[in-house]
Amino acid sequence: MLEQALEENRKEEEEARKREEGLREIVCKLLQEVKCNSLVIDVQFRSFI
C-alpha cells in the first residue's frame, strides 16, 4: 500500500514537471513575441515621427 502511494506520488510529480516544462515553453514563446512586437511598434513609431 505504501509502495503504491509512493508510485502514485512519483507519477503525479512527473506529470507536474511535464506541465511546468510545457508552460515554460509557452511563456518563452510569448515573451519572444512580445519583444518582437515591441520592436515593430518602436520602428513604426520612429518612422512616424
N, C-alpha and C. Protein backbone atom coordinates (compact mmCIF):
# COMPACT_ATOMS: atom_id res chain seq x y z
N MET A 1 0.83 -1.20 0.00
CA MET A 1 0.00 0.00 0.00
C MET A 1 0.88 1.26 0.00
N LEU A 2 1.91 1.26 0.83
CA LEU A 2 2.82 2.40 0.87
C LEU A 2 3.54 2.55 -0.46
N GLU A 3 3.97 1.41 -1.03
CA GLU A 3 4.65 1.46 -2.32
C GLU A 3 3.74 2.01 -3.41
N GLN A 4 2.47 1.64 -3.35
CA GLN A 4 1.51 2.13 -4.34
C GLN A 4 1.34 3.65 -4.21
N ALA A 5 1.26 4.14 -2.98
CA ALA A 5 1.12 5.57 -2.75
C ALA A 5 2.37 6.32 -3.23
N LEU A 6 3.54 5.74 -2.98
CA LEU A 6 4.78 6.37 -3.43
C LEU A 6 4.84 6.41 -4.95
N GLU A 7 4.41 5.34 -5.60
CA GLU A 7 4.41 5.28 -7.06
C GLU A 7 3.44 6.31 -7.64
N GLU A 8 2.27 6.43 -7.04
CA GLU A 8 1.29 7.44 -7.48
C GLU A 8 1.86 8.84 -7.34
N ASN A 9 2.51 9.08 -6.22
CA ASN A 9 3.11 10.39 -5.96
C ASN A 9 4.20 10.69 -6.99
N ARG A 10 5.01 9.68 -7.32
CA ARG A 10 6.07 9.85 -8.31
C ARG A 10 5.48 10.19 -9.67
N LYS A 11 4.40 9.50 -10.04
CA LYS A 11 3.75 9.76 -11.33
C LYS A 11 3.17 11.18 -11.37
N GLU A 12 2.55 11.58 -10.27
CA GLU A 12 1.97 12.93 -10.20
C GLU A 12 3.06 13.99 -10.31
N GLU A 13 4.19 13.76 -9.65
CA GLU A 13 5.30 14.71 -9.72
C GLU A 13 5.85 14.80 -11.14
N GLU A 14 5.95 13.66 -11.81
CA GLU A 14 6.44 13.64 -13.19
C GLU A 14 5.48 14.40 -14.11
N GLU A 15 4.18 14.19 -13.94
CA GLU A 15 3.18 14.91 -14.74
C GLU A 15 3.27 16.41 -14.47
N ALA A 16 3.46 16.78 -13.21
CA ALA A 16 3.58 18.20 -12.86
C ALA A 16 4.81 18.81 -13.52
N ARG A 17 5.92 18.07 -13.54
CA ARG A 17 7.14 18.56 -14.19
C ARG A 17 6.91 18.77 -15.69
N LYS A 18 6.21 17.83 -16.31
CA LYS A 18 5.92 17.96 -17.74
C LYS A 18 5.03 19.17 -18.01
N ARG A 19 4.02 19.37 -17.17
CA ARG A 19 3.14 20.54 -17.34
C ARG A 19 3.94 21.83 -17.16
N GLU A 20 4.81 21.85 -16.15
CA GLU A 20 5.63 23.04 -15.90
C GLU A 20 6.54 23.32 -17.09
N GLU A 21 7.14 22.28 -17.64
CA GLU A 21 8.01 22.45 -18.80
C GLU A 21 7.22 23.01 -19.99
N GLY A 22 6.03 22.49 -20.20
CA GLY A 22 5.18 23.00 -21.28
C GLY A 22 4.81 24.46 -21.08
N LEU A 23 4.49 24.81 -19.84
CA LEU A 23 4.15 26.20 -19.55
C LEU A 23 5.35 27.12 -19.73
N ARG A 24 6.53 26.65 -19.35
CA ARG A 24 7.75 27.45 -19.56
C ARG A 24 7.97 27.73 -21.04
N GLU A 25 7.75 26.71 -21.87
CA GLU A 25 7.91 26.89 -23.32
C GLU A 25 6.92 27.92 -23.85
N ILE A 26 5.67 27.84 -23.38
CA ILE A 26 4.65 28.79 -23.82
C ILE A 26 5.04 30.21 -23.41
N VAL A 27 5.49 30.37 -22.16
CA VAL A 27 5.88 31.69 -21.67
C VAL A 27 7.05 32.24 -22.48
N CYS A 28 8.03 31.40 -22.78
CA CYS A 28 9.18 31.85 -23.57
C CYS A 28 8.73 32.31 -24.95
N LYS A 29 7.84 31.55 -25.58
CA LYS A 29 7.35 31.93 -26.90
C LYS A 29 6.58 33.25 -26.84
N LEU A 30 5.77 33.41 -25.81
CA LEU A 30 5.01 34.65 -25.66
C LEU A 30 5.94 35.84 -25.43
N LEU A 31 6.98 35.64 -24.61
CA LEU A 31 7.93 36.73 -24.37
C LEU A 31 8.66 37.11 -25.65
N GLN A 32 9.03 36.12 -26.44
CA GLN A 32 9.69 36.42 -27.72
C GLN A 32 8.75 37.21 -28.62
N GLU A 33 7.48 36.81 -28.64
CA GLU A 33 6.50 37.51 -29.47
C GLU A 33 6.32 38.95 -29.01
N VAL A 34 6.27 39.14 -27.70
CA VAL A 34 6.12 40.50 -27.15
C VAL A 34 7.32 41.35 -27.52
N LYS A 35 8.53 40.79 -27.38
CA LYS A 35 9.73 41.55 -27.74
C LYS A 35 9.71 41.91 -29.21
N CYS A 36 9.31 40.98 -30.06
CA CYS A 36 9.26 41.22 -31.50
C CYS A 36 8.23 42.31 -31.80
N ASN A 37 7.05 42.20 -31.18
CA ASN A 37 6.01 43.20 -31.40
C ASN A 37 6.45 44.57 -30.90
N SER A 38 7.18 44.60 -29.79
CA SER A 38 7.66 45.87 -29.26
C SER A 38 8.63 46.52 -30.24
N LEU A 39 9.49 45.71 -30.86
CA LEU A 39 10.42 46.26 -31.84
C LEU A 39 9.68 46.80 -33.05
N VAL A 40 8.67 46.08 -33.51
CA VAL A 40 7.89 46.52 -34.67
C VAL A 40 7.19 47.83 -34.35
N ILE A 41 6.58 47.92 -33.18
CA ILE A 41 5.89 49.15 -32.78
C ILE A 41 6.88 50.29 -32.69
N ASP A 42 8.06 50.03 -32.11
CA ASP A 42 9.09 51.06 -31.96
C ASP A 42 9.53 51.57 -33.34
N VAL A 43 9.77 50.65 -34.26
CA VAL A 43 10.20 51.05 -35.61
C VAL A 43 9.10 51.84 -36.30
N GLN A 44 7.86 51.40 -36.18
CA GLN A 44 6.75 52.12 -36.80
C GLN A 44 6.60 53.51 -36.20
N PHE A 45 6.75 53.61 -34.88
CA PHE A 45 6.63 54.90 -34.21
C PHE A 45 7.74 55.85 -34.65
N ARG A 46 8.96 55.33 -34.72
CA ARG A 46 10.10 56.17 -35.12
C ARG A 46 9.95 56.65 -36.56
N SER A 47 9.42 55.81 -37.43
CA SER A 47 9.24 56.23 -38.82
C SER A 47 8.09 57.22 -38.95
N PHE A 48 7.17 57.21 -37.98
CA PHE A 48 6.04 58.14 -37.97
C PHE A 48 6.50 59.54 -37.61
N ILE A 49 7.50 59.61 -36.72
CA ILE A 49 7.98 60.90 -36.22
C ILE A 49 8.73 61.64 -37.24
